Each structure stands twice: as structure tokens, then as C-alpha cells.
Protein backbone atom coordinates (compact mmCIF):
# COMPACT_ATOMS: atom_id res chain seq x y z
CA UNK A 1 59.78 -26.15 38.76
CA UNK A 2 59.14 -27.91 42.06
CA UNK A 3 62.05 -27.96 44.53
CA UNK A 4 62.20 -30.82 47.01
CA UNK A 5 64.61 -31.33 49.93
CA UNK A 6 65.00 -34.77 51.50
CA UNK A 7 66.00 -34.72 55.18
CA UNK A 8 67.50 -37.98 56.45
CA UNK A 9 70.03 -38.85 59.16
CA UNK A 10 72.26 -40.52 56.53
CA UNK A 11 72.45 -40.23 52.75
CA UNK A 12 74.71 -41.85 50.18
CA UNK A 13 75.19 -44.73 47.78
CA UNK A 14 77.05 -46.60 50.53
CA UNK A 15 74.10 -46.46 52.92
CA UNK A 16 72.16 -49.75 53.02
CA UNK A 17 69.53 -48.73 55.61
CA UNK A 18 66.06 -49.30 54.18
CA UNK A 19 64.50 -45.89 54.87
CA UNK A 20 67.58 -43.92 53.80
CA UNK A 21 68.05 -46.05 50.70
CA UNK A 22 64.40 -45.53 49.78
CA UNK A 23 64.74 -41.76 50.17
CA UNK A 24 67.78 -41.73 47.88
CA UNK A 25 66.02 -43.78 45.21
CA UNK A 26 62.97 -41.52 45.25
CA UNK A 27 65.12 -38.38 45.14
CA UNK A 28 67.09 -39.68 42.16
CA UNK A 29 63.91 -40.66 40.32
CA UNK A 30 62.38 -37.20 40.77
CA UNK A 31 65.47 -35.77 39.10
CA UNK A 32 65.83 -38.35 36.33
CA UNK A 33 62.16 -38.91 35.49
CA UNK A 34 60.59 -35.50 36.21
CA UNK A 35 63.51 -33.08 35.99
CA UNK A 36 62.72 -31.58 39.40
CA UNK A 37 65.31 -29.77 41.49
CA UNK A 38 66.12 -32.07 44.40
CA UNK A 39 68.58 -31.77 47.25
CA UNK A 40 69.33 -33.74 50.40
CA UNK A 41 70.04 -32.32 53.84
CA UNK A 42 71.81 -34.84 56.03
CA UNK A 43 74.63 -35.51 58.47
CA UNK A 44 78.18 -36.71 57.80
CA UNK A 45 77.42 -40.15 59.25
CA UNK A 46 77.60 -43.54 57.56
CA UNK A 47 77.18 -45.78 60.60
CA UNK A 48 73.82 -45.66 62.38
CA UNK A 49 75.21 -46.79 65.73
CA UNK A 50 78.15 -44.48 66.35
CA UNK A 51 76.94 -41.66 64.03
CA UNK A 52 80.62 -40.79 63.51
CA UNK A 53 81.37 -38.03 60.99
CA UNK A 54 82.75 -40.32 58.27
CA UNK A 55 81.79 -38.21 55.25
CA UNK A 56 83.45 -34.78 54.87
CA UNK A 57 81.30 -31.77 55.62
CA UNK A 58 80.07 -29.86 52.58
CA UNK A 59 78.12 -30.27 49.34
CA UNK A 60 78.52 -33.00 46.72
CA UNK A 61 76.36 -34.28 43.87
CA UNK A 62 75.14 -37.89 43.98
CA UNK A 63 73.32 -39.04 40.82
CA UNK A 64 71.88 -35.61 40.12
CA UNK A 65 70.94 -34.80 43.74
CA UNK A 66 72.84 -32.05 45.56
CA UNK A 67 73.73 -33.48 48.96
CA UNK A 68 74.51 -31.05 51.79
CA UNK A 69 76.23 -32.80 54.72
CA UNK A 70 76.46 -31.27 58.18
CA UNK A 71 78.60 -32.54 61.07
CA UNK A 72 77.17 -34.25 64.12
CA UNK A 73 77.91 -32.49 67.39
CA UNK A 74 77.25 -35.82 69.15
CA UNK A 75 76.70 -39.43 68.16
CA UNK A 76 75.30 -42.35 70.12
CA UNK A 77 75.88 -41.78 73.84
CA UNK A 78 77.72 -44.70 75.51
CA UNK A 79 74.96 -44.85 78.13
CA UNK A 80 72.11 -44.85 75.62
CA UNK A 81 71.28 -48.56 75.65
CA UNK A 82 71.01 -48.70 79.44
CA UNK A 83 68.94 -45.49 79.57
CA UNK A 84 66.78 -46.69 76.67
CA UNK A 85 65.88 -49.98 78.34
CA UNK A 86 64.62 -48.04 81.36
CA UNK A 87 62.59 -45.53 79.32
CA UNK A 88 61.09 -48.09 76.95
CA UNK A 89 59.78 -50.39 79.68
CA UNK A 90 56.72 -48.09 79.79
CA UNK A 91 57.28 -45.57 76.98
CA UNK A 92 53.85 -43.94 77.29
CA UNK A 93 54.76 -42.86 80.85
CA UNK A 94 58.13 -41.30 80.02
CA UNK A 95 58.54 -37.73 81.26
CA UNK A 96 59.06 -35.02 78.58
CA UNK A 97 62.58 -34.31 79.85
CA UNK A 98 63.51 -37.99 79.60
CA UNK A 99 62.07 -38.25 76.09
CA UNK A 100 64.13 -35.27 74.93
CA UNK A 101 67.21 -36.83 76.49
CA UNK A 102 66.45 -40.16 74.81
CA UNK A 103 66.27 -38.54 71.37
CA UNK A 104 69.57 -36.70 71.82
CA UNK A 105 71.41 -39.66 73.39
CA UNK A 106 70.30 -41.92 70.53
CA UNK A 107 71.94 -39.67 67.96
CA UNK A 108 72.54 -38.19 65.55
CA UNK A 109 72.56 -34.74 67.14
CA UNK A 110 73.31 -32.09 64.51
CA UNK A 111 72.23 -28.49 65.29
CA UNK A 112 73.77 -27.42 61.96
CA UNK A 113 71.45 -29.76 60.06
CA UNK A 114 68.41 -28.46 61.92
CA UNK A 115 69.44 -24.87 61.14
CA UNK A 116 69.68 -25.80 57.45
CA UNK A 117 66.20 -27.34 57.56
CA UNK A 118 64.73 -24.17 59.07
CA UNK A 119 66.49 -22.02 56.44
CA UNK A 120 65.59 -24.19 53.42
CA UNK A 121 63.73 -22.55 50.53
CA UNK A 122 62.40 -25.86 49.21
CA UNK A 123 58.72 -26.09 48.30
CA UNK A 124 58.49 -29.31 50.31
CA UNK A 125 60.86 -30.99 52.76
CA UNK A 126 60.59 -34.77 52.89
CA UNK A 127 61.56 -36.40 56.20
CA UNK A 128 62.23 -39.98 57.26
CA UNK A 129 62.51 -42.21 59.16
CA UNK A 130 60.49 -41.22 62.22
CA UNK A 131 62.91 -42.42 64.91
CA UNK A 132 65.69 -39.82 64.86
CA UNK A 133 66.25 -36.16 65.70
CA UNK A 134 66.13 -34.79 62.12
CA UNK A 135 62.45 -35.79 61.88
CA UNK A 136 61.58 -35.19 65.54
CA UNK A 137 62.93 -31.62 65.57
CA UNK A 138 62.73 -30.79 61.87
CA UNK A 139 59.11 -31.56 61.04
CA UNK A 140 57.53 -29.21 63.62
CA UNK A 141 59.91 -26.44 62.46
CA UNK A 142 58.60 -26.50 58.86
CA UNK A 143 55.25 -28.17 59.45
CA UNK A 144 53.25 -26.80 56.50
CA UNK A 145 56.00 -27.85 54.08
CA UNK A 146 56.80 -31.19 55.73
CA UNK A 147 56.13 -34.50 53.98
CA UNK A 148 56.71 -37.48 56.26
CA UNK A 149 57.84 -40.96 55.23
CA UNK A 150 57.81 -42.39 58.77
CA UNK A 151 58.85 -45.99 58.00
CA UNK A 152 56.90 -46.88 61.14
CA UNK A 153 56.46 -50.29 62.68
CA UNK A 154 55.03 -51.42 65.98
CA UNK A 155 58.00 -51.15 68.32
CA UNK A 156 58.46 -49.60 71.75
CA UNK A 157 59.83 -46.16 70.72
CA UNK A 158 56.81 -45.24 68.61
CA UNK A 159 54.73 -45.25 71.82
CA UNK A 160 56.77 -42.37 73.30
CA UNK A 161 54.44 -39.34 73.55
CA UNK A 162 57.07 -37.10 71.90
CA UNK A 163 56.15 -38.59 68.52
CA UNK A 164 52.54 -37.37 68.65
CA UNK A 165 53.56 -33.86 67.64
CA UNK A 166 55.88 -35.19 64.94
CA UNK A 167 53.20 -37.24 63.17
CA UNK A 168 50.41 -34.67 63.52
CA UNK A 169 52.54 -31.70 62.41
CA UNK A 170 53.38 -33.04 58.95
CA UNK A 171 51.58 -31.57 55.94
CA UNK A 172 51.33 -34.99 54.31
CA UNK A 173 52.19 -38.63 55.03
CA UNK A 174 53.63 -41.26 52.69
CA UNK A 175 53.40 -44.90 53.76
CA UNK A 176 55.16 -47.94 52.36
CA UNK A 177 52.30 -50.37 53.08
CA UNK A 178 48.69 -50.52 54.24
CA UNK A 179 49.96 -52.19 57.41
CA UNK A 180 52.06 -49.12 58.25
CA UNK A 181 49.14 -46.81 57.52
CA UNK A 182 46.80 -48.74 59.82
CA UNK A 183 49.38 -48.64 62.62
CA UNK A 184 49.94 -44.89 62.35
CA UNK A 185 46.21 -44.10 62.16
CA UNK A 186 45.64 -46.24 65.24
CA UNK A 187 48.32 -44.42 67.25
CA UNK A 188 48.00 -40.82 66.05
CA UNK A 189 45.28 -38.37 65.01
CA UNK A 190 46.27 -38.23 61.34
CA UNK A 191 43.19 -39.59 59.55
CA UNK A 192 42.41 -36.16 58.11
CA UNK A 193 46.00 -35.50 56.93
CA UNK A 194 46.68 -35.89 53.20
CA UNK A 195 48.31 -39.30 52.76
CA UNK A 196 49.20 -41.98 50.26
CA UNK A 197 50.29 -45.62 50.39
CA UNK A 198 53.13 -45.58 47.88
CA UNK A 199 55.50 -48.49 48.31
CA UNK A 200 58.84 -48.33 46.52
CA UNK A 201 59.93 -49.07 42.99
CA UNK A 202 62.05 -52.09 42.17
CA UNK A 203 65.11 -51.82 39.94
CA UNK A 204 66.04 -54.53 37.47
CA UNK A 205 69.35 -56.17 38.27
CA UNK A 206 71.65 -58.42 36.29
CA UNK A 207 73.65 -61.25 37.81
CA UNK A 208 74.71 -64.75 36.90
CA UNK A 209 74.04 -67.48 39.49
CA UNK A 210 77.10 -69.49 38.41
CA UNK A 211 79.38 -66.45 38.81
CA UNK A 212 77.87 -65.70 42.24
CA UNK A 213 78.39 -69.30 43.34
CA UNK A 214 82.01 -69.16 42.19
CA UNK A 215 82.60 -65.84 43.98
CA UNK A 216 81.44 -67.32 47.31
CA UNK A 217 82.89 -70.81 46.82
CA UNK A 218 79.48 -72.47 46.97
CA UNK A 219 80.06 -74.94 44.15
CA UNK A 220 76.82 -76.71 43.26
CA UNK A 221 75.37 -76.66 46.78
CA UNK A 222 71.73 -75.58 47.19
CA UNK A 223 71.46 -72.53 49.42
CA UNK A 224 69.07 -70.26 51.27
CA UNK A 225 69.70 -66.51 51.03
CA UNK A 226 69.31 -63.53 53.31
CA UNK A 227 70.36 -60.13 51.92
CA UNK A 228 70.71 -57.07 54.13
CA UNK A 229 72.32 -55.93 57.36
CA UNK A 230 73.60 -58.84 59.47
CA UNK A 231 72.14 -57.64 62.75
CA UNK A 232 70.43 -59.19 65.77
CA UNK A 233 67.62 -56.65 65.31
CA UNK A 234 67.05 -57.99 61.79
CA UNK A 235 66.68 -61.53 63.10
CA UNK A 236 69.84 -62.91 61.49
CA UNK A 237 71.18 -64.55 64.67
CA UNK A 238 67.88 -66.36 65.21
CA UNK A 239 67.90 -67.41 61.56
CA UNK A 240 71.42 -68.81 61.94
CA UNK A 241 70.38 -70.72 65.06
CA UNK A 242 67.27 -72.12 63.35
CA UNK A 243 69.35 -73.12 60.33
CA UNK A 244 71.92 -74.89 62.52
CA UNK A 245 69.11 -76.82 64.23
CA UNK A 246 67.63 -77.68 60.83
CA UNK A 247 70.97 -79.06 59.62
CA UNK A 248 71.26 -81.25 62.70
CA UNK A 249 67.88 -82.77 61.87
CA UNK A 250 68.30 -82.65 58.08
CA UNK A 251 71.98 -83.33 57.26
CA UNK A 252 73.00 -82.59 53.70
CA UNK A 253 74.64 -80.05 51.39
CA UNK A 254 72.22 -77.15 52.06
CA UNK A 255 73.99 -73.85 52.89
CA UNK A 256 72.79 -70.49 54.24
CA UNK A 257 74.22 -67.29 52.76
CA UNK A 258 73.96 -64.14 54.89
CA UNK A 259 75.01 -61.34 52.53
CA UNK A 260 75.45 -57.73 53.64
CA UNK A 261 77.30 -55.52 56.12
CA UNK A 262 78.04 -57.35 59.36
CA UNK A 263 77.05 -55.67 62.63
CA UNK A 264 76.43 -58.84 64.66
CA UNK A 265 78.30 -61.87 63.39
CA UNK A 266 76.23 -65.06 63.76
CA UNK A 267 77.60 -68.17 65.50
CA UNK A 268 80.21 -69.99 63.41
CA UNK A 269 78.85 -72.90 61.39
CA UNK A 270 80.46 -74.80 58.50
CA UNK A 271 77.35 -74.38 56.32
CA UNK A 272 76.75 -70.66 56.99
CA UNK A 273 78.52 -68.34 54.54
CA UNK A 274 78.94 -64.68 55.56
CA UNK A 275 80.68 -62.85 52.67
CA UNK A 276 79.97 -59.31 53.88
CA UNK A 277 79.09 -56.74 51.22
CA UNK A 278 79.03 -58.10 47.69
CA UNK A 279 78.80 -56.41 44.29
CA UNK A 280 75.40 -55.75 42.73
CA UNK A 281 75.99 -58.41 40.08
CA UNK A 282 76.92 -60.99 42.74
CA UNK A 283 73.88 -60.01 44.82
CA UNK A 284 71.52 -60.51 41.87
CA UNK A 285 73.27 -63.76 41.00
CA UNK A 286 72.63 -64.95 44.56
CA UNK A 287 68.97 -63.94 44.33
CA UNK A 288 68.56 -65.92 41.11
CA UNK A 289 70.50 -68.93 42.38
CA UNK A 290 68.89 -69.32 45.82
CA UNK A 291 66.38 -72.05 46.51
CA UNK A 292 64.48 -69.80 48.94
CA UNK A 293 64.88 -66.21 50.08
CA UNK A 294 64.49 -66.02 53.91
CA UNK A 295 63.67 -62.73 55.62
CA UNK A 296 63.71 -63.18 59.42
CA UNK A 297 63.14 -59.58 60.51
CA UNK A 298 60.12 -58.98 62.75
CA UNK A 299 60.17 -55.22 62.10
CA UNK A 300 59.88 -53.93 58.55
CA UNK A 301 58.06 -50.98 57.03
CA UNK A 302 58.31 -52.24 53.42
CA UNK A 303 61.27 -54.60 52.68
CA UNK A 304 62.70 -53.75 49.29
CA UNK A 305 64.93 -56.85 49.41
CA UNK A 306 61.83 -59.05 49.52
CA UNK A 307 60.69 -57.32 46.31
CA UNK A 308 64.13 -57.90 44.80
CA UNK A 309 63.89 -61.61 45.61
CA UNK A 310 60.47 -61.82 43.96
CA UNK A 311 61.71 -59.82 40.96
CA UNK A 312 64.33 -62.58 40.61
CA UNK A 313 61.55 -65.20 40.76
CA UNK A 314 62.42 -66.67 44.17
CA UNK A 315 59.91 -67.95 46.76
CA UNK A 316 60.05 -66.28 50.17
CA UNK A 317 59.96 -67.42 53.78
CA UNK A 318 59.30 -64.56 56.23
CA UNK A 319 58.83 -63.98 59.94
CA UNK A 320 55.17 -64.38 60.94
CA UNK A 321 55.62 -61.65 63.57
CA UNK A 322 56.22 -59.06 60.83
CA UNK A 323 52.80 -57.95 59.68
CA UNK A 324 54.25 -56.10 56.68
CA UNK A 325 56.11 -59.00 55.06
CA UNK A 326 53.34 -61.44 55.98
CA UNK A 327 50.82 -59.15 54.26
CA UNK A 328 53.03 -59.04 51.16
CA UNK A 329 53.03 -62.85 51.11
CA UNK A 330 49.26 -63.02 51.57
CA UNK A 331 48.55 -60.46 48.85
CA UNK A 332 51.01 -61.93 46.38
CA UNK A 333 50.81 -65.64 47.11
CA UNK A 334 54.59 -65.56 46.83
CA UNK A 335 55.75 -66.97 50.15
CA UNK A 336 55.23 -68.72 53.46
CA UNK A 337 55.99 -67.63 57.02
CA UNK A 338 57.29 -69.11 60.27
CA UNK A 339 56.64 -68.22 63.89
CA UNK A 340 59.03 -70.56 65.72
CA UNK A 341 61.51 -73.32 64.93
CA UNK A 342 58.82 -75.94 64.37
CA UNK A 343 57.02 -73.88 61.71
CA UNK A 344 60.40 -72.91 60.20
CA UNK A 345 61.24 -76.58 59.73
CA UNK A 346 57.84 -77.49 58.31
CA UNK A 347 57.83 -74.57 55.85
CA UNK A 348 61.40 -75.23 54.73
CA UNK A 349 60.70 -78.95 54.24
CA UNK A 350 57.67 -78.05 52.13
CA UNK A 351 59.59 -75.58 49.96
CA UNK A 352 62.76 -77.59 49.50
CA UNK A 353 60.81 -80.74 48.76
CA UNK A 354 58.72 -79.32 45.91
CA UNK A 355 60.46 -77.56 43.02
CA UNK A 356 57.12 -76.89 41.28
CA UNK A 357 55.81 -75.13 44.39
CA UNK A 358 58.95 -72.98 44.59
CA UNK A 359 58.49 -72.00 40.95
CA UNK A 360 54.81 -71.12 41.43
CA UNK A 361 55.48 -68.97 44.50
CA UNK A 362 58.35 -67.19 42.73
CA UNK A 363 56.16 -66.47 39.70
CA UNK A 364 53.36 -65.10 41.88
CA UNK A 365 55.81 -62.86 43.73
CA UNK A 366 57.23 -61.61 40.45
CA UNK A 367 53.74 -60.80 39.14
CA UNK A 368 52.98 -58.90 42.38
CA UNK A 369 56.05 -56.73 41.92
CA UNK A 370 55.22 -56.06 38.27
CA UNK A 371 51.66 -55.04 39.13
CA UNK A 372 52.45 -52.80 42.08
CA UNK A 373 56.07 -51.66 42.31
CA UNK A 374 57.42 -50.71 38.92
CA UNK A 375 58.92 -47.24 38.80
CA UNK A 376 57.00 -45.35 36.05
CA UNK A 377 53.51 -45.74 37.56
CA UNK A 378 54.80 -45.32 41.11
CA UNK A 379 56.62 -42.05 40.37
CA UNK A 380 53.56 -40.69 38.59
CA UNK A 381 51.42 -41.31 41.69
CA UNK A 382 54.10 -39.74 43.88
CA UNK A 383 54.29 -36.67 41.58
CA UNK A 384 50.57 -36.06 41.76
CA UNK A 385 50.59 -36.34 45.56
CA UNK A 386 53.51 -33.93 46.02
CA UNK A 387 52.05 -31.41 43.60
CA UNK A 388 48.73 -31.47 45.45
CA UNK A 389 50.57 -30.68 48.67
CA UNK A 390 52.42 -27.81 47.01
């Protein structure tokens, strides 16, 4: 029997981060669908800013996966943001000492986790995302057994020279999209490394739009939906500002729902609803009841919530600066994109003014998910790749 260990900075059902959530779903599927022995090596953190030790240290079982949590000796340094701005002005010129300091100041810093990685008897250790110390220090330590899900996108940190060794040391690479693969092959000498473009499977969800509307007090108002972390880095503040400008020019009952954990609360607006975390049934009810799903993030490596929206038959409106979500829209025919307020307004007018168009785009998105991201075929491809590496 194959034994796999997933190494992530956070792990748990409460974690909504895309890369960590993807790792958990894959780990659980390897157990449930293939009967493999799977464990997770991680820290005690829930929050990816403070990296505080919120979970207790020790071993628990989460949906068939044995999860070993190790404490962080240090979280995010208070001076990290200021130091980071200086280093990332010209990341390719950063001195090795400054790069090492940047990694540790960013957090999480867990020597106990790294010791567990080095001591693991797993056939393969699966790391992700690329940004943090568990991957940066862990992959070179177990290079011939390391499988890397980098969740890479074109941002300043990936141009730090410290990541060259991380990407080139891994035994195999797993990408979420062709866009991510092209980026990594452009930046690092990995063309000869075993690799696969996998994506992520989409789960079916049940939820009643009427019940979701009642839960949020929306009544019969039409609404746009964003689901995920409410964070400046995810583009939610810009989305709120664009929506407020749209309502000034297009008065009416339209609302915007920003659903998910709140890191950066958007400006107050009477038509913007911020319920925080909602239940799965309410989330799926919102997906099915929304006029349009809007995803404003400029930096995504896959975007499972976009797939969820298409699974629910909703049309999408995405950020043109995000090559990944734009490519999904191009390949599927399931959505439009905006690059500034003017194109946001034009696209939204087009979508809200044509119910037949919304239906067609939602159907195309749904067909794209069914053809590419259903679990049985995806896990079979993943199994073959991992077994070849073993």
C-alpha cells in the first residue's frame, strides 16, 4: 500500500485557504477512493497572518487522514510587511541572507514540523503551497520523495532566487492549470521533471436559494455573489468600490453579497451584505440564487469557487489581470472579464440585461466542470502519476 504525507502550513476542515483546502480534499479522496494510507504534517495554525498556535499540538484524525500538528516557534514578525516591501522591490537582487530572513519573518516557523518531515517514512511527501517555510525547507530535505503542488502565480515573491532550489529539487510537480505550468517552466529549469496538470475535483452541494435569501435578509432582491476570503489581496475592496460606483450610475435593488471570513472589511454600503462565514447549504443556495458570480482576485492558481459557481449553473465575471480565471472563461465560454471600472460596468450591464445570455454562460461553465473536474477521473489520473513517481 502506498503511504503519502501531505505537508502544508495549515490543515483542517476550518481552513478556507485555496491551496490548503485543495490538499485536504486530495488527501481525503486518496483514503476514501483508493484506500491509501495518508497523513498530514502541519503546524498548529489556523490564521495565515499571525500563524498563532490555535490548534492543540498532537495527532488527530480528520475524515480518515491522520493529522500531526506541530507548534510554531514563531509566527508573522511585526516588522515583516515593512521588510518585505524593501526586499520585493527588486526580488531577483535580494541577498541570500535577506531571503532567508524574509522566509522566517513571514512565518510559519516550525523546526518541529521540519524535523518530522525529515523523519517521515512516507513513500512520497506532497508539499504546497510554494510560498512558506514548510515547502522552502522541506522539499530540499526529502527531494527524491517530494511532490510539489506549488499553487504558483506571477507575483513578486516567486522571483526571489531562493525558490529556484525549491522548484528544481522536487521529484514531481502537480499544477492546477496550464497557465501555472507555463509560468513555472518560464521561471525555473523544470521542463524535464515529471509533471501533470491536474486541476481539482468539484463536490456536489445542496442548497435552496429561497432559504439562503431568508438567512441573509435579501428578500427578492437580485444579487451578485463573491465567495471566499474577504481580503484586499483577493480584490474584494476594489469590487466593493466598483459596485458602489455602479449603484450610483444604475440605482435599483441590486445587492452584492461578500460571503466568507472577513480579513479586510469593505467600505460600508447599504447594498453590500457581508455575512461572514455561512453554512455549506447557505453557500450553495447563494450560488444557485445569484445573478452573476464575481471573482475579483488578480492572483489565483486554480479557483475552486469559480468551479463551484459553474457547477451551480451561474455565469462568471472575473478579473482580466488573472490569467488563470480568464483562461477558464475562454476555455469554457462560461464568463466575461473586466480590467477596470468601465469594462466592469459594460460587462455587468450585458449580463444583467440578458437572462438568456446568463443561462447560456452558466450552462457552458457547468459543462466545462463536468468534462474536466469531476472526482473519479481526476483521482485516477492523480493515482497513476503518484505511482509512477514511487
